[in-house]
Amino acid sequence: MAALKTRKRAVIFRLTEEEYQLLQDNCRSAGARNLSDFTRAGVLAQLKNGAEEDRFSVIEKRLETICRDIVALRETVERRA
């Protein structure tokens, strides 16, 4: 079993009553141990997904460049044929 790391940092933010209720409802639906764990997991998952989306964005831009280069190369070849 992995050793539990002590969490020493806190993040505090304010919610409207509606936002808090939505958070609580989703926490219960997910079967989370508590609101803190649920919120922490959600925030960290979002950060991880954002990093992955950034990597996919870079790959997508590179593929777009390659596709444009292929089209330009094909057009050049066709003009010379």
Protein backbone atom coordinates (compact mmCIF):
# COMPACT_ATOMS: atom_id res chain seq x y z
CA MET A 1 0.00 0.00 0.00
CA ALA A 2 1.38 3.41 -0.93
CA ALA A 3 2.27 5.76 1.89
CA LEU A 4 -0.17 8.65 2.29
CA LYS A 5 1.37 12.05 1.73
CA THR A 6 0.51 14.75 4.23
CA ARG A 7 -1.32 17.60 2.58
CA LYS A 8 -0.11 20.91 3.96
CA ARG A 9 -1.58 23.41 1.50
CA ALA A 10 -5.13 24.71 1.39
CA VAL A 11 -7.05 26.37 -1.41
CA ILE A 12 -10.04 28.44 -0.45
CA PHE A 13 -12.70 29.83 -2.75
CA ARG A 14 -16.24 31.04 -2.32
CA LEU A 15 -19.33 29.58 -3.93
CA THR A 16 -22.89 30.73 -4.31
CA GLU A 17 -25.48 28.61 -2.52
CA GLU A 18 -26.48 27.10 -5.87
CA GLU A 19 -22.87 26.24 -6.74
CA TYR A 20 -22.33 24.67 -3.33
CA GLN A 21 -25.51 22.61 -3.63
CA LEU A 22 -24.47 21.43 -7.10
CA LEU A 23 -21.06 20.43 -5.74
CA GLN A 24 -22.63 18.55 -2.82
CA ASP A 25 -25.12 16.77 -5.09
CA ASN A 26 -22.36 15.66 -7.46
CA CYS A 27 -20.21 14.56 -4.54
CA ARG A 28 -22.99 12.35 -3.20
CA SER A 29 -23.77 10.97 -6.68
CA ALA A 30 -20.12 10.06 -7.19
CA GLY A 31 -19.95 8.33 -3.81
CA ALA A 32 -16.97 10.42 -2.80
CA ARG A 33 -15.65 10.12 0.74
CA ASN A 34 -16.11 13.83 1.38
CA LEU A 35 -16.48 17.16 -0.39
CA SER A 36 -12.79 17.99 -0.08
CA ASP A 37 -11.65 14.74 -1.72
CA PHE A 38 -14.25 15.10 -4.46
CA THR A 39 -13.25 18.69 -5.22
CA ARG A 40 -9.52 17.92 -5.12
CA ALA A 41 -9.94 14.98 -7.51
CA GLY A 42 -12.02 17.08 -9.90
CA VAL A 43 -9.59 19.98 -9.98
CA LEU A 44 -6.54 17.74 -10.46
CA ALA A 45 -8.30 15.74 -13.19
CA GLN A 46 -9.14 18.99 -14.98
CA LEU A 47 -5.51 20.11 -14.79
CA LYS A 48 -4.32 16.77 -16.15
CA ASN A 49 -6.88 16.84 -18.97
CA GLY A 50 -5.88 20.39 -19.81
CA ALA A 51 -2.24 19.34 -20.13
CA GLU A 52 -3.25 16.47 -22.40
CA GLU A 53 -5.38 18.80 -24.51
CA ASP A 54 -2.38 21.11 -24.88
CA ARG A 55 -0.28 18.20 -26.16
CA PHE A 56 -3.02 17.19 -28.57
CA SER A 57 -3.26 20.78 -29.75
CA VAL A 58 0.46 20.83 -30.56
CA ILE A 59 0.17 17.53 -32.42
CA GLU A 60 -2.89 18.76 -34.29
CA LYS A 61 -1.07 21.91 -35.42
CA ARG A 62 1.90 19.86 -36.61
CA LEU A 63 -0.39 17.54 -38.56
CA GLU A 64 -2.12 20.52 -40.17
CA THR A 65 1.27 21.87 -41.27
CA ILE A 66 2.27 18.49 -42.68
CA CYS A 67 -1.04 18.23 -44.57
CA ARG A 68 -0.57 21.70 -46.07
CA ASP A 69 2.98 20.78 -47.10
CA ILE A 70 1.75 17.58 -48.75
CA VAL A 71 -0.93 19.46 -50.68
CA ALA A 72 1.62 22.06 -51.81
CA LEU A 73 4.05 19.32 -52.84
CA ARG A 74 1.33 17.48 -54.77
CA GLU A 75 0.36 20.69 -56.59
CA THR A 76 4.00 21.34 -57.49
CA VAL A 77 4.39 17.80 -58.83
CA GLU A 78 1.15 18.08 -60.83
CA ARG A 79 2.23 21.39 -62.39
CA ARG A 80 5.52 19.90 -63.51
CA ALA A 81 3.92 16.75 -64.92
